[in-house]
Amino acid sequence: MSKFITVRKGNFSFLIEKKNLRVMSVLFVSLLITLILSIGIGSTLVPLSEIIQTLFGQGSKQYDFIILSLRLPRVLVAILIGAALGVSGAILQGVIRNPLASPDIIGITNGAAFAATAFIVYLGGSVSIKLLPLAAIIGAITVSVLIYLLAWKKGVSPFRLVLIGIGMATAMGSLTTFMIVVTNAYTAAEAYVWLTGSIYAASMQKFYVLLPFVLVFVILALVLSRNVSVQELGDDVATSLGSRVQLQRFLLVFISVILAGAAVAIGGAIGFVGLIAPHISRKMVGASFGSLIPTAALVGALLVALADLIGRTAFQPYDVPAGIFTAAIGAPFFIYLIYRNRNK
């Protein structure tokens, strides 16, 4: 009996291990359970029956505001942010061939954070705050293009890309801190809350803004996933197999940048999800990118949703940003990765 499920239609073919499909199914069910818990748990407990009835439009109206306006948008936005960061990190680790690569480590998140902080500090009072996500995405793209150009030398090598990315991340972080220090206390506090990675005040409008980015670019990542597997063999081998290495690398990095920029634009600088989620996923389903990308999306979504649930409920009446919990897990994990790879 075959261990694989194969789908073929014309020039399109898809292969996945049955074991990996079971893993994804378990993660999906876990995500649904987390969604229900996030809706039901809080300062007001909502019965499971009311949650289900309200979601299908048949509730008693007593909990409509709590479920539909406060909690459901928040957990849906958390899921999309986590999925975007998880896939973004998986792409970067595959393209750069470095287990330490992630959007926040190589400067993409910091570029988005710098642009968003500049928007809050210098334009917050004169321009609509609805343009903040656009500013963050532009910042992520601008810094990524700069990193790519500085790393170019008859092509872009993964080694130069990660080194220049780390330097750019440090520079953007310093400039962001400087802006917060020199601005007034109210604006600094507003910028700081955003930088900690809070999904507070999420709305269905933000969900609908983020949804097309995640759907379109995760699908594109799946379409290009074979190219990542080929590039992991090395540039020379990939070129000899007919792969257009530099073009495909650029497209994959671009997808990663857009996903990370969109996530940061809506949820702030939620760190280390792009680092942790791919590693957890690789332990579950292996290194094949056809399985790794959807699994990283599910793991990332689960991490951010759980972090937001804990931050919202564990320290009531305080609402602790989800980014604090992801950093608390991610920072020690980053140190562990450095130690494990110290001789490589």
C-alpha atoms as a PDB file:
ATOM      1  CA  MET A   1       0.000   0.000   0.000  1.00  0.00           C
ATOM      2  CA  SER A   2       1.431   3.371  -1.059  1.00  0.00           C
ATOM      3  CA  LYS A   3       2.492   5.879   1.604  1.00  0.00           C
ATOM      4  CA  PHE A   4       1.723   8.759  -0.756  1.00  0.00           C
ATOM      5  CA  ILE A   5      -1.318  10.528  -2.143  1.00  0.00           C
ATOM      6  CA  THR A   6      -0.775  11.727  -5.711  1.00  0.00           C
ATOM      7  CA  VAL A   7      -2.898  14.257  -7.598  1.00  0.00           C
ATOM      8  CA  ARG A   8      -2.283  14.773 -11.313  1.00  0.00           C
ATOM      9  CA  LYS A   9      -4.191  17.059 -13.660  1.00  0.00           C
ATOM     10  CA  GLY A  10      -2.559  18.090 -16.925  1.00  0.00           C
ATOM     11  CA  ASN A  11       0.806  19.710 -16.182  1.00  0.00           C
ATOM     12  CA  PHE A  12      -0.039  19.980 -12.499  1.00  0.00           C
ATOM     13  CA  SER A  13       0.977  17.263 -10.072  1.00  0.00           C
ATOM     14  CA  PHE A  14       0.991  17.108  -6.287  1.00  0.00           C
ATOM     15  CA  LEU A  15       2.475  14.461  -4.008  1.00  0.00           C
ATOM     16  CA  ILE A  16       2.073  14.237  -0.251  1.00  0.00           C
ATOM     17  CA  GLU A  17       2.747  11.548   2.352  1.00  0.00           C
ATOM     18  CA  LYS A  18      -0.310  10.206   4.147  1.00  0.00           C
ATOM     19  CA  LYS A  19       1.526  10.626   7.454  1.00  0.00           C
ATOM     20  CA  ASN A  20       2.046  14.320   6.746  1.00  0.00           C
ATOM     21  CA  LEU A  21      -1.602  14.728   5.832  1.00  0.00           C
ATOM     22  CA  ARG A  22      -2.566  13.227   9.207  1.00  0.00           C
ATOM     23  CA  VAL A  23      -0.194  15.659  10.965  1.00  0.00           C
ATOM     24  CA  MET A  24      -1.799  18.606   9.167  1.00  0.00           C
ATOM     25  CA  SER A  25      -5.261  17.325  10.067  1.00  0.00           C
ATOM     26  CA  VAL A  26      -4.321  17.159  13.767  1.00  0.00           C
ATOM     27  CA  LEU A  27      -2.881  20.688  13.613  1.00  0.00           C
ATOM     28  CA  PHE A  28      -6.022  21.970  11.879  1.00  0.00           C
ATOM     29  CA  VAL A  29      -8.283  20.418  14.534  1.00  0.00           C
ATOM     30  CA  SER A  30      -6.027  21.894  17.265  1.00  0.00           C
ATOM     31  CA  LEU A  31      -6.381  25.293  15.609  1.00  0.00           C
ATOM     32  CA  LEU A  32     -10.176  24.974  15.580  1.00  0.00           C
ATOM     33  CA  ILE A  33     -10.148  24.062  19.284  1.00  0.00           C
ATOM     34  CA  THR A  34      -7.938  27.089  20.005  1.00  0.00           C
ATOM     35  CA  LEU A  35     -10.349  29.281  18.043  1.00  0.00           C
ATOM     36  CA  ILE A  36     -13.310  28.044  20.107  1.00  0.00           C
ATOM     37  CA  LEU A  37     -11.387  28.507  23.376  1.00  0.00           C
ATOM     38  CA  SER A  38     -10.357  32.030  22.362  1.00  0.00           C
ATOM     39  CA  ILE A  39     -13.962  32.955  21.685  1.00  0.00           C
ATOM     40  CA  GLY A  40     -15.304  31.354  24.863  1.00  0.00           C
ATOM     41  CA  ILE A  41     -12.689  32.316  27.486  1.00  0.00           C
ATOM     42  CA  GLY A  42     -12.286  35.807  28.899  1.00  0.00           C
ATOM     43  CA  SER A  43     -13.696  38.135  31.515  1.00  0.00           C
ATOM     44  CA  THR A  44     -17.085  36.822  30.365  1.00  0.00           C
ATOM     45  CA  LEU A  45     -17.333  33.076  29.736  1.00  0.00           C
ATOM     46  CA  VAL A  46     -19.393  32.160  26.698  1.00  0.00           C
ATOM     47  CA  PRO A  47     -21.022  28.686  26.591  1.00  0.00           C
ATOM     48  CA  LEU A  48     -19.987  26.418  23.724  1.00  0.00           C
ATOM     49  CA  SER A  49     -23.577  26.104  22.515  1.00  0.00           C
ATOM     50  CA  GLU A  50     -23.872  29.899  22.252  1.00  0.00           C
ATOM     51  CA  ILE A  51     -20.585  30.114  20.326  1.00  0.00           C
ATOM     52  CA  ILE A  52     -21.722  27.565  17.742  1.00  0.00           C
ATOM     53  CA  GLN A  53     -25.212  29.046  17.398  1.00  0.00           C
ATOM     54  CA  THR A  54     -23.896  32.602  17.099  1.00  0.00           C
ATOM     55  CA  LEU A  55     -21.337  31.621  14.453  1.00  0.00           C
ATOM     56  CA  PHE A  56     -24.178  30.101  12.403  1.00  0.00           C
ATOM     57  CA  GLY A  57     -26.381  33.164  12.935  1.00  0.00           C
ATOM     58  CA  GLN A  58     -28.808  31.489  15.339  1.00  0.00           C
ATOM     59  CA  GLY A  59     -27.573  32.722  18.722  1.00  0.00           C
ATOM     60  CA  SER A  60     -29.594  34.427  21.448  1.00  0.00           C
ATOM     61  CA  LYS A  61     -28.009  37.843  20.609  1.00  0.00           C
ATOM     62  CA  GLN A  62     -26.806  38.097  24.222  1.00  0.00           C
ATOM     63  CA  TYR A  63     -23.204  37.370  23.244  1.00  0.00           C
ATOM     64  CA  ASP A  64     -23.198  38.820  19.715  1.00  0.00           C
ATOM     65  CA  PHE A  65     -20.995  41.800  20.550  1.00  0.00           C
ATOM     66  CA  ILE A  66     -18.467  39.768  22.566  1.00  0.00           C
ATOM     67  CA  ILE A  67     -18.182  37.016  19.945  1.00  0.00           C
ATOM     68  CA  LEU A  68     -18.580  38.812  16.621  1.00  0.00           C
ATOM     69  CA  SER A  69     -17.042  42.197  17.409  1.00  0.00           C
ATOM     70  CA  LEU A  70     -14.374  41.481  20.033  1.00  0.00           C
ATOM     71  CA  ARG A  71     -13.097  37.913  20.124  1.00  0.00           C
ATOM     72  CA  LEU A  72     -13.738  36.318  16.711  1.00  0.00           C
ATOM     73  CA  PRO A  73     -11.961  39.056  14.686  1.00  0.00           C
ATOM     74  CA  ARG A  74      -9.034  38.961  17.102  1.00  0.00           C
ATOM     75  CA  VAL A  75      -8.410  35.229  16.868  1.00  0.00           C
ATOM     76  CA  LEU A  76      -8.929  35.191  13.079  1.00  0.00           C
ATOM     77  CA  VAL A  77      -6.368  37.978  12.662  1.00  0.00           C
ATOM     78  CA  ALA A  78      -3.974  36.111  14.988  1.00  0.00           C
ATOM     79  CA  ILE A  79      -4.333  32.966  12.849  1.00  0.00           C
ATOM     80  CA  LEU A  80      -3.578  34.833   9.618  1.00  0.00           C
ATOM     81  CA  ILE A  81      -0.587  36.645  11.149  1.00  0.00           C
ATOM     82  CA  GLY A  82       0.879  33.399  12.471  1.00  0.00           C
ATOM     83  CA  ALA A  83       0.331  31.608   9.143  1.00  0.00           C
ATOM     84  CA  ALA A  84       2.002  34.429   7.204  1.00  0.00           C
ATOM     85  CA  LEU A  85       5.024  34.541   9.521  1.00  0.00           C
ATOM     86  CA  GLY A  86       5.380  30.751   9.581  1.00  0.00           C
ATOM     87  CA  VAL A  87       5.436  30.463   5.782  1.00  0.00           C
ATOM     88  CA  SER A  88       7.708  33.516   5.466  1.00  0.00           C
ATOM     89  CA  GLY A  89      10.244  31.924   7.814  1.00  0.00           C
ATOM     90  CA  ALA A  90      10.048  28.539   6.098  1.00  0.00           C
ATOM     91  CA  ILE A  91      10.823  30.139   2.718  1.00  0.00           C
ATOM     92  CA  LEU A  92      13.770  32.127   4.084  1.00  0.00           C
ATOM     93  CA  GLN A  93      15.304  29.123   5.845  1.00  0.00           C
ATOM     94  CA  GLY A  94      15.011  27.117   2.631  1.00  0.00           C
ATOM     95  CA  VAL A  95      16.322  29.786   0.268  1.00  0.00           C
ATOM     96  CA  ILE A  96      19.129  31.000   2.540  1.00  0.00           C
ATOM     97  CA  ARG A  97      19.905  27.447   3.715  1.00  0.00           C
ATOM     98  CA  ASN A  98      20.406  28.701   7.251  1.00  0.00           C
ATOM     99  CA  PRO A  99      18.414  27.415  10.261  1.00  0.00           C
ATOM    100  CA  LEU A 100      18.726  30.845  11.931  1.00  0.00           C
ATOM    101  CA  ALA A 101      16.992  32.723   9.097  1.00  0.00           C
ATOM    102  CA  SER A 102      13.615  34.349   9.767  1.00  0.00           C
ATOM    103  CA  PRO A 103      11.916  37.652   8.851  1.00  0.00           C
ATOM    104  CA  ASP A 104      12.867  39.294  12.145  1.00  0.00           C
ATOM    105  CA  ILE A 105      16.455  38.005  12.196  1.00  0.00           C
ATOM    106  CA  ILE A 106      17.444  39.254   8.720  1.00  0.00           C
ATOM    107  CA  GLY A 107      15.745  42.648   8.885  1.00  0.00           C
ATOM    108  CA  ILE A 108      12.376  42.319   7.104  1.00  0.00           C
ATOM    109  CA  THR A 109      10.337  42.763  10.276  1.00  0.00           C
ATOM    110  CA  ASN A 110      12.620  45.579  11.445  1.00  0.00           C
ATOM    111  CA  GLY A 111      12.157  47.409   8.145  1.00  0.00           C
ATOM    112  CA  ALA A 112       8.383  47.209   8.503  1.00  0.00           C
ATOM    113  CA  ALA A 113       8.626  48.277  12.161  1.00  0.00           C
ATOM    114  CA  PHE A 114      10.844  51.257  11.286  1.00  0.00           C
ATOM    115  CA  ALA A 115       8.421  52.492   8.614  1.00  0.00           C
ATOM    116  CA  ALA A 116       5.393  52.000  10.863  1.00  0.00           C
ATOM    117  CA  THR A 117       7.064  53.789  13.786  1.00  0.00           C
ATOM    118  CA  ALA A 118       8.045  56.690  11.505  1.00  0.00           C
ATOM    119  CA  PHE A 119       4.416  56.846  10.333  1.00  0.00           C
ATOM    120  CA  ILE A 120       3.123  56.969  13.930  1.00  0.00           C
ATOM    121  CA  VAL A 121       5.709  59.536  15.073  1.00  0.00           C
ATOM    122  CA  TYR A 122       5.701  61.920  12.114  1.00  0.00           C
ATOM    123  CA  LEU A 123       2.377  61.384  10.314  1.00  0.00           C
ATOM    124  CA  GLY A 124       0.068  59.930  12.972  1.00  0.00           C
ATOM    125  CA  GLY A 125      -1.747  63.186  13.654  1.00  0.00           C
ATOM    126  CA  SER A 126      -2.124  64.354  10.058  1.00  0.00           C
ATOM    127  CA  VAL A 127      -2.723  61.176   8.028  1.00  0.00           C
ATOM    128  CA  SER A 128      -5.339  58.452   8.532  1.00  0.00           C
ATOM    129  CA  ILE A 129      -4.099  55.631  10.743  1.00  0.00           C
ATOM    130  CA  LYS A 130      -5.651  53.233   8.199  1.00  0.00           C
ATOM    131  CA  LEU A 131      -2.556  53.828   6.054  1.00  0.00           C
ATOM    132  CA  LEU A 132      -0.280  52.334   8.730  1.00  0.00           C
ATOM    133  CA  PRO A 133      -0.370  48.821   7.167  1.00  0.00           C
ATOM    134  CA  LEU A 134       0.649  50.274   3.804  1.00  0.00           C
ATOM    135  CA  ALA A 135       3.576  52.097   5.435  1.00  0.00           C
ATOM    136  CA  ALA A 136       4.755  48.872   7.103  1.00  0.00           C
ATOM    137  CA  ILE A 137       4.597  46.881   3.856  1.00  0.00           C
ATOM    138  CA  ILE A 138       6.494  49.609   1.979  1.00  0.00           C
ATOM    139  CA  GLY A 139       9.132  49.596   4.743  1.00  0.00           C
ATOM    140  CA  ALA A 140       9.538  45.812   4.533  1.00  0.00           C
ATOM    141  CA  ILE A 141       9.888  45.914   0.744  1.00  0.00           C
ATOM    142  CA  THR A 142      12.315  48.872   0.768  1.00  0.00           C
ATOM    143  CA  VAL A 143      14.656  47.320   3.330  1.00  0.00           C
ATOM    144  CA  SER A 144      14.508  43.936   1.609  1.00  0.00           C
ATOM    145  CA  VAL A 145      15.424  45.481  -1.763  1.00  0.00           C
ATOM    146  CA  LEU A 146      18.312  47.301  -0.081  1.00  0.00           C
ATOM    147  CA  ILE A 147      19.528  44.060   1.528  1.00  0.00           C
ATOM    148  CA  TYR A 148      19.240  42.264  -1.796  1.00  0.00           C
ATOM    149  CA  LEU A 149      21.183  44.957  -3.662  1.00  0.00           C
ATOM    150  CA  LEU A 150      23.950  45.070  -1.048  1.00  0.00           C
ATOM    151  CA  ALA A 151      24.205  41.273  -1.141  1.00  0.00           C
ATOM    152  CA  TRP A 152      24.426  41.167  -4.953  1.00  0.00           C
ATOM    153  CA  LYS A 153      27.752  40.134  -6.441  1.00  0.00           C
ATOM    154  CA  LYS A 154      27.229  38.266  -9.699  1.00  0.00           C
ATOM    155  CA  GLY A 155      24.120  36.936  -8.038  1.00  0.00           C
ATOM    156  CA  VAL A 156      23.006  36.724  -4.423  1.00  0.00           C
ATOM    157  CA  SER A 157      24.601  34.108  -2.197  1.00  0.00           C
ATOM    158  CA  PRO A 158      22.683  32.941   0.894  1.00  0.00           C
ATOM    159  CA  PHE A 159      25.703  33.686   3.111  1.00  0.00           C
ATOM    160  CA  ARG A 160      25.933  37.369   2.088  1.00  0.00           C
ATOM    161  CA  LEU A 161      22.161  37.737   2.269  1.00  0.00           C
ATOM    162  CA  VAL A 162      21.953  36.636   5.895  1.00  0.00           C
ATOM    163  CA  LEU A 163      25.007  38.626   7.045  1.00  0.00           C
ATOM    164  CA  ILE A 164      23.812  41.874   5.461  1.00  0.00           C
ATOM    165  CA  GLY A 165      20.283  41.155   6.693  1.00  0.00           C
ATOM    166  CA  ILE A 166      21.449  40.858  10.292  1.00  0.00           C
ATOM    167  CA  GLY A 167      23.365  44.132   9.987  1.00  0.00           C
ATOM    168  CA  MET A 168      20.330  45.861   8.462  1.00  0.00           C
ATOM    169  CA  ALA A 169      18.086  44.498  11.214  1.00  0.00           C
ATOM    170  CA  THR A 170      20.391  46.016  13.831  1.00  0.00           C
ATOM    171  CA  ALA A 171      20.470  49.361  12.027  1.00  0.00           C
ATOM    172  CA  MET A 172      16.678  49.522  11.631  1.00  0.00           C
ATOM    173  CA  GLY A 173      16.191  48.546  15.267  1.00  0.00           C
ATOM    174  CA  SER A 174      18.518  51.324  16.419  1.00  0.00           C
ATOM    175  CA  LEU A 175      16.774  53.944  14.278  1.00  0.00           C
ATOM    176  CA  THR A 176      13.376  52.808  15.538  1.00  0.00           C
ATOM    177  CA  THR A 177      14.525  53.084  19.159  1.00  0.00           C
ATOM    178  CA  PHE A 178      15.970  56.545  18.467  1.00  0.00           C
ATOM    179  CA  MET A 179      12.640  57.771  17.074  1.00  0.00           C
ATOM    180  CA  ILE A 180      10.783  56.527  20.140  1.00  0.00           C
ATOM    181  CA  VAL A 181      13.281  58.176  22.505  1.00  0.00           C
ATOM    182  CA  VAL A 182      13.107  61.629  20.912  1.00  0.00           C
ATOM    183  CA  THR A 183       9.321  61.802  20.441  1.00  0.00           C
ATOM    184  CA  ASN A 184       6.717  62.831  23.035  1.00  0.00           C
ATOM    185  CA  ALA A 185       5.561  60.365  25.690  1.00  0.00           C
ATOM    186  CA  TYR A 186       2.069  59.740  24.249  1.00  0.00           C
ATOM    187  CA  THR A 187       3.302  58.975  20.729  1.00  0.00           C
ATOM    188  CA  ALA A 188       6.179  56.897  22.114  1.00  0.00           C
ATOM    189  CA  ALA A 189       3.728  54.803  24.143  1.00  0.00           C
ATOM    190  CA  GLU A 190       1.533  54.262  21.065  1.00  0.00           C
ATOM    191  CA  ALA A 191       4.526  53.195  18.972  1.00  0.00           C
ATOM    192  CA  TYR A 192       5.858  50.954  21.737  1.00  0.00           C
ATOM    193  CA  VAL A 193       2.551  49.072  22.087  1.00  0.00           C
ATOM    194  CA  TRP A 194       2.581  48.438  18.340  1.00  0.00           C
ATOM    195  CA  LEU A 195       6.206  47.264  18.446  1.00  0.00           C
ATOM    196  CA  THR A 196       5.518  44.697  21.166  1.00  0.00           C
ATOM    197  CA  GLY A 197       3.231  42.840  18.769  1.00  0.00           C
ATOM    198  CA  SER A 198      -0.284  43.304  20.061  1.00  0.00           C
ATOM    199  CA  ILE A 199      -3.435  42.109  18.282  1.00  0.00           C
ATOM    200  CA  TYR A 200      -5.521  44.302  20.576  1.00  0.00           C
ATOM    201  CA  ALA A 201      -8.436  46.058  18.797  1.00  0.00           C
ATOM    202  CA  ALA A 202      -8.338  43.679  15.832  1.00  0.00           C
ATOM    203  CA  SER A 203     -11.406  43.966  13.614  1.00  0.00           C
ATOM    204  CA  MET A 204     -13.002  42.121  10.731  1.00  0.00           C
ATOM    205  CA  GLN A 205     -11.826  44.968   8.508  1.00  0.00           C
ATOM    206  CA  LYS A 206      -8.204  44.112   9.370  1.00  0.00           C
ATOM    207  CA  PHE A 207      -8.981  40.438   8.779  1.00  0.00           C
ATOM    208  CA  TYR A 208     -10.308  41.173   5.291  1.00  0.00           C
ATOM    209  CA  VAL A 209      -7.273  43.356   4.540  1.00  0.00           C
ATOM    210  CA  LEU A 210      -4.847  40.589   5.535  1.00  0.00           C
ATOM    211  CA  LEU A 211      -6.762  37.608   4.087  1.00  0.00           C
ATOM    212  CA  PRO A 212      -5.953  38.132   0.370  1.00  0.00           C
ATOM    213  CA  PHE A 213      -2.241  38.620   1.114  1.00  0.00           C
ATOM    214  CA  VAL A 214      -2.076  35.320   3.017  1.00  0.00           C
ATOM    215  CA  LEU A 215      -4.174  33.308   0.565  1.00  0.00           C
ATOM    216  CA  VAL A 216      -2.488  34.526  -2.617  1.00  0.00           C
ATOM    217  CA  PHE A 217       1.115  34.427  -1.433  1.00  0.00           C
ATOM    218  CA  VAL A 218       0.865  31.132   0.476  1.00  0.00           C
ATOM    219  CA  ILE A 219      -0.544  29.546  -2.694  1.00  0.00           C
ATOM    220  CA  LEU A 220       2.312  31.076  -4.711  1.00  0.00           C
ATOM    221  CA  ALA A 221       4.768  29.690  -2.153  1.00  0.00           C
ATOM    222  CA  LEU A 222       3.261  26.216  -2.644  1.00  0.00           C
ATOM    223  CA  VAL A 223       3.533  26.558  -6.431  1.00  0.00           C
ATOM    224  CA  LEU A 224       7.230  27.479  -6.139  1.00  0.00           C
ATOM    225  CA  SER A 225       7.971  24.999  -3.341  1.00  0.00           C
ATOM    226  CA  ARG A 226       9.809  22.589  -5.640  1.00  0.00           C
ATOM    227  CA  ASN A 227      12.312  25.329  -6.465  1.00  0.00           C
ATOM    228  CA  VAL A 228      13.227  25.621  -2.780  1.00  0.00           C
ATOM    229  CA  SER A 229      13.969  21.898  -2.597  1.00  0.00           C
ATOM    230  CA  VAL A 230      16.202  22.159  -5.668  1.00  0.00           C
ATOM    231  CA  GLN A 231      18.041  25.234  -4.329  1.00  0.00           C
ATOM    232  CA  GLU A 232      18.826  23.389  -1.099  1.00  0.00           C
ATOM    233  CA  LEU A 233      21.142  21.186  -3.180  1.00  0.00           C
ATOM    234  CA  GLY A 234      23.366  24.218  -3.826  1.00  0.00           C
ATOM    235  CA  ASP A 235      23.482  26.837  -6.581  1.00  0.00           C
ATOM    236  CA  ASP A 236      25.744  24.846  -8.910  1.00  0.00           C
ATOM    237  CA  VAL A 237      23.668  21.676  -8.705  1.00  0.00           C
ATOM    238  CA  ALA A 238      20.388  23.611  -9.042  1.00  0.00           C
ATOM    239  CA  THR A 239      21.702  25.415 -12.147  1.00  0.00           C
ATOM    240  CA  SER A 240      22.868  22.144 -13.692  1.00  0.00           C
ATOM    241  CA  LEU A 241      19.334  20.763 -13.203  1.00  0.00           C
ATOM    242  CA  GLY A 242      17.910  23.659 -15.217  1.00  0.00           C
ATOM    243  CA  SER A 243      16.749  25.823 -12.326  1.00  0.00           C
ATOM    244  CA  ARG A 244      16.843  29.605 -12.852  1.00  0.00           C
ATOM    245  CA  VAL A 245      18.355  30.102  -9.432  1.00  0.00           C
ATOM    246  CA  GLN A 246      18.549  33.894  -9.159  1.00  0.00           C
ATOM    247  CA  LEU A 247      15.069  34.561 -10.574  1.00  0.00           C
ATOM    248  CA  GLN A 248      13.460  31.892  -8.421  1.00  0.00           C
ATOM    249  CA  ARG A 249      15.381  33.056  -5.354  1.00  0.00           C
ATOM    250  CA  PHE A 250      14.171  36.621  -5.943  1.00  0.00           C
ATOM    251  CA  LEU A 251      10.544  35.490  -6.341  1.00  0.00           C
ATOM    252  CA  LEU A 252      10.687  33.368  -3.191  1.00  0.00           C
ATOM    253  CA  VAL A 253      12.286  36.140  -1.131  1.00  0.00           C
ATOM    254  CA  PHE A 254       9.670  38.572  -2.499  1.00  0.00           C
ATOM    255  CA  ILE A 255       6.850  36.248  -1.369  1.00  0.00           C
ATOM    256  CA  SER A 256       8.461  35.977   2.069  1.00  0.00           C
ATOM    257  CA  VAL A 257       8.795  39.769   2.324  1.00  0.00           C
ATOM    258  CA  ILE A 258       5.158  40.415   1.391  1.00  0.00           C
ATOM    259  CA  LEU A 259       3.881  37.823   3.875  1.00  0.00           C
ATOM    260  CA  ALA A 260       6.046  39.165   6.704  1.00  0.00           C
ATOM    261  CA  GLY A 261       5.298  42.802   5.850  1.00  0.00           C
ATOM    262  CA  ALA A 262       1.544  42.205   5.761  1.00  0.00           C
ATOM    263  CA  ALA A 263       1.651  40.330   9.085  1.00  0.00           C
ATOM    264  CA  VAL A 264       3.710  43.035  10.796  1.00  0.00           C
ATOM    265  CA  ALA A 265       1.505  45.740   9.281  1.00  0.00           C
ATOM    266  CA  ILE A 266      -1.576  44.352  11.039  1.00  0.00           C
ATOM    267  CA  GLY A 267      -0.162  42.768  14.203  1.00  0.00           C
ATOM    268  CA  GLY A 268       3.011  44.699  14.941  1.00  0.00           C
ATOM    269  CA  ALA A 269       6.448  43.218  15.469  1.00  0.00           C
ATOM    270  CA  ILE A 270       5.532  39.720  16.667  1.00  0.00           C
ATOM    271  CA  GLY A 271       8.962  38.144  16.852  1.00  0.00           C
ATOM    272  CA  PHE A 272      10.409  34.650  16.433  1.00  0.00           C
ATOM    273  CA  VAL A 273       7.301  32.960  14.966  1.00  0.00           C
ATOM    274  CA  GLY A 274       9.034  32.830  11.587  1.00  0.00           C
ATOM    275  CA  LEU A 275      12.003  31.181  13.291  1.00  0.00           C
ATOM    276  CA  ILE A 276      10.201  28.637  15.470  1.00  0.00           C
ATOM    277  CA  ALA A 277       7.313  27.479  13.266  1.00  0.00           C
ATOM    278  CA  PRO A 278       9.443  26.052  10.414  1.00  0.00           C
ATOM    279  CA  HIS A 279      11.667  24.121  12.844  1.00  0.00           C
ATOM    280  CA  ILE A 280       8.677  22.577  14.620  1.00  0.00           C
ATOM    281  CA  SER A 281       7.099  21.781  11.248  1.00  0.00           C
ATOM    282  CA  ARG A 282      10.275  20.172   9.927  1.00  0.00           C
ATOM    283  CA  LYS A 283      10.314  17.832  12.936  1.00  0.00           C
ATOM    284  CA  MET A 284       6.728  16.847  12.135  1.00  0.00           C
ATOM    285  CA  VAL A 285       6.711  16.420   8.351  1.00  0.00           C
ATOM    286  CA  GLY A 286      10.341  16.479   7.204  1.00  0.00           C
ATOM    287  CA  ALA A 287      12.089  18.843   4.816  1.00  0.00           C
ATOM    288  CA  SER A 288       9.851  18.456   1.737  1.00  0.00           C
ATOM    289  CA  PHE A 289       8.500  21.939   1.035  1.00  0.00           C
ATOM    290  CA  GLY A 290       5.229  20.654  -0.393  1.00  0.00           C
ATOM    291  CA  SER A 291       4.344  19.529   3.136  1.00  0.00           C
ATOM    292  CA  LEU A 292       6.467  22.016   5.083  1.00  0.00           C
ATOM    293  CA  ILE A 293       4.737  25.186   3.866  1.00  0.00           C
ATOM    294  CA  PRO A 294       1.139  24.288   4.891  1.00  0.00           C
ATOM    295  CA  THR A 295       2.421  22.777   8.140  1.00  0.00           C
ATOM    296  CA  ALA A 296       4.438  25.924   8.947  1.00  0.00           C
ATOM    297  CA  ALA A 297       1.306  27.976   8.256  1.00  0.00           C
ATOM    298  CA  LEU A 298      -0.717  25.861  10.714  1.00  0.00           C
ATOM    299  CA  VAL A 299       2.001  25.820  13.392  1.00  0.00           C
ATOM    300  CA  GLY A 300       2.560  29.587  13.077  1.00  0.00           C
ATOM    301  CA  ALA A 301      -1.175  30.227  13.313  1.00  0.00           C
ATOM    302  CA  LEU A 302      -1.418  28.008  16.400  1.00  0.00           C
ATOM    303  CA  LEU A 303       1.552  29.728  18.090  1.00  0.00           C
ATOM    304  CA  VAL A 304       0.195  33.257  17.650  1.00  0.00           C
ATOM    305  CA  ALA A 305      -3.395  32.292  18.505  1.00  0.00           C
ATOM    306  CA  LEU A 306      -2.256  30.571  21.733  1.00  0.00           C
ATOM    307  CA  ALA A 307       0.079  33.453  22.622  1.00  0.00           C
ATOM    308  CA  ASP A 308      -2.763  35.943  22.185  1.00  0.00           C
ATOM    309  CA  LEU A 309      -5.165  33.760  24.195  1.00  0.00           C
ATOM    310  CA  ILE A 310      -2.691  33.513  27.088  1.00  0.00           C
ATOM    311  CA  GLY A 311      -1.890  37.223  26.960  1.00  0.00           C
ATOM    312  CA  ARG A 312      -5.568  38.153  27.007  1.00  0.00           C
ATOM    313  CA  THR A 313      -6.744  35.779  29.734  1.00  0.00           C
ATOM    314  CA  ALA A 314      -3.854  34.837  32.068  1.00  0.00           C
ATOM    315  CA  PHE A 315      -3.180  38.293  33.512  1.00  0.00           C
ATOM    316  CA  GLN A 316      -6.615  39.904  33.660  1.00  0.00           C
ATOM    317  CA  PRO A 317      -7.459  42.773  33.742  1.00  0.00           C
ATOM    318  CA  TYR A 318      -4.226  43.382  31.786  1.00  0.00           C
ATOM    319  CA  ASP A 319      -3.981  42.525  28.098  1.00  0.00           C
ATOM    320  CA  VAL A 320      -0.400  41.391  27.515  1.00  0.00           C
ATOM    321  CA  PRO A 321       0.761  41.610  23.847  1.00  0.00           C
ATOM    322  CA  ALA A 322       1.187  38.274  22.079  1.00  0.00           C
ATOM    323  CA  GLY A 323       4.665  39.323  20.952  1.00  0.00           C
ATOM    324  CA  ILE A 324       5.935  39.146  24.527  1.00  0.00           C
ATOM    325  CA  PHE A 325       5.063  35.444  24.760  1.00  0.00           C
ATOM    326  CA  THR A 326       6.451  34.538  21.327  1.00  0.00           C
ATOM    327  CA  ALA A 327       9.692  36.336  22.254  1.00  0.00           C
ATOM    328  CA  ALA A 328       9.837  34.520  25.591  1.00  0.00           C
ATOM    329  CA  ILE A 329       9.789  31.211  23.691  1.00  0.00           C
ATOM    330  CA  GLY A 330      11.729  32.332  20.646  1.00  0.00           C
ATOM    331  CA  ALA A 331      14.749  34.002  22.258  1.00  0.00           C
ATOM    332  CA  PRO A 332      15.897  30.873  24.170  1.00  0.00           C
ATOM    333  CA  PHE A 333      15.160  28.788  21.076  1.00  0.00           C
ATOM    334  CA  PHE A 334      17.366  31.108  18.992  1.00  0.00           C
ATOM    335  CA  ILE A 335      20.213  30.711  21.509  1.00  0.00           C
ATOM    336  CA  TYR A 336      19.744  26.935  21.385  1.00  0.00           C
ATOM    337  CA  LEU A 337      19.987  26.959  17.571  1.00  0.00           C
ATOM    338  CA  ILE A 338      23.187  29.013  17.706  1.00  0.00           C
ATOM    339  CA  TYR A 339      24.688  26.564  20.223  1.00  0.00           C
ATOM    340  CA  ARG A 340      23.578  23.490  18.220  1.00  0.00           C
ATOM    341  CA  ASN A 341      25.060  24.876  14.993  1.00  0.00           C
ATOM    342  CA  ARG A 342      28.198  26.371  16.541  1.00  0.00           C
ATOM    343  CA  ASN A 343      30.539  24.006  14.666  1.00  0.00           C
ATOM    344  CA  LYS A 344      28.788  24.191  11.282  1.00  0.00           C
END
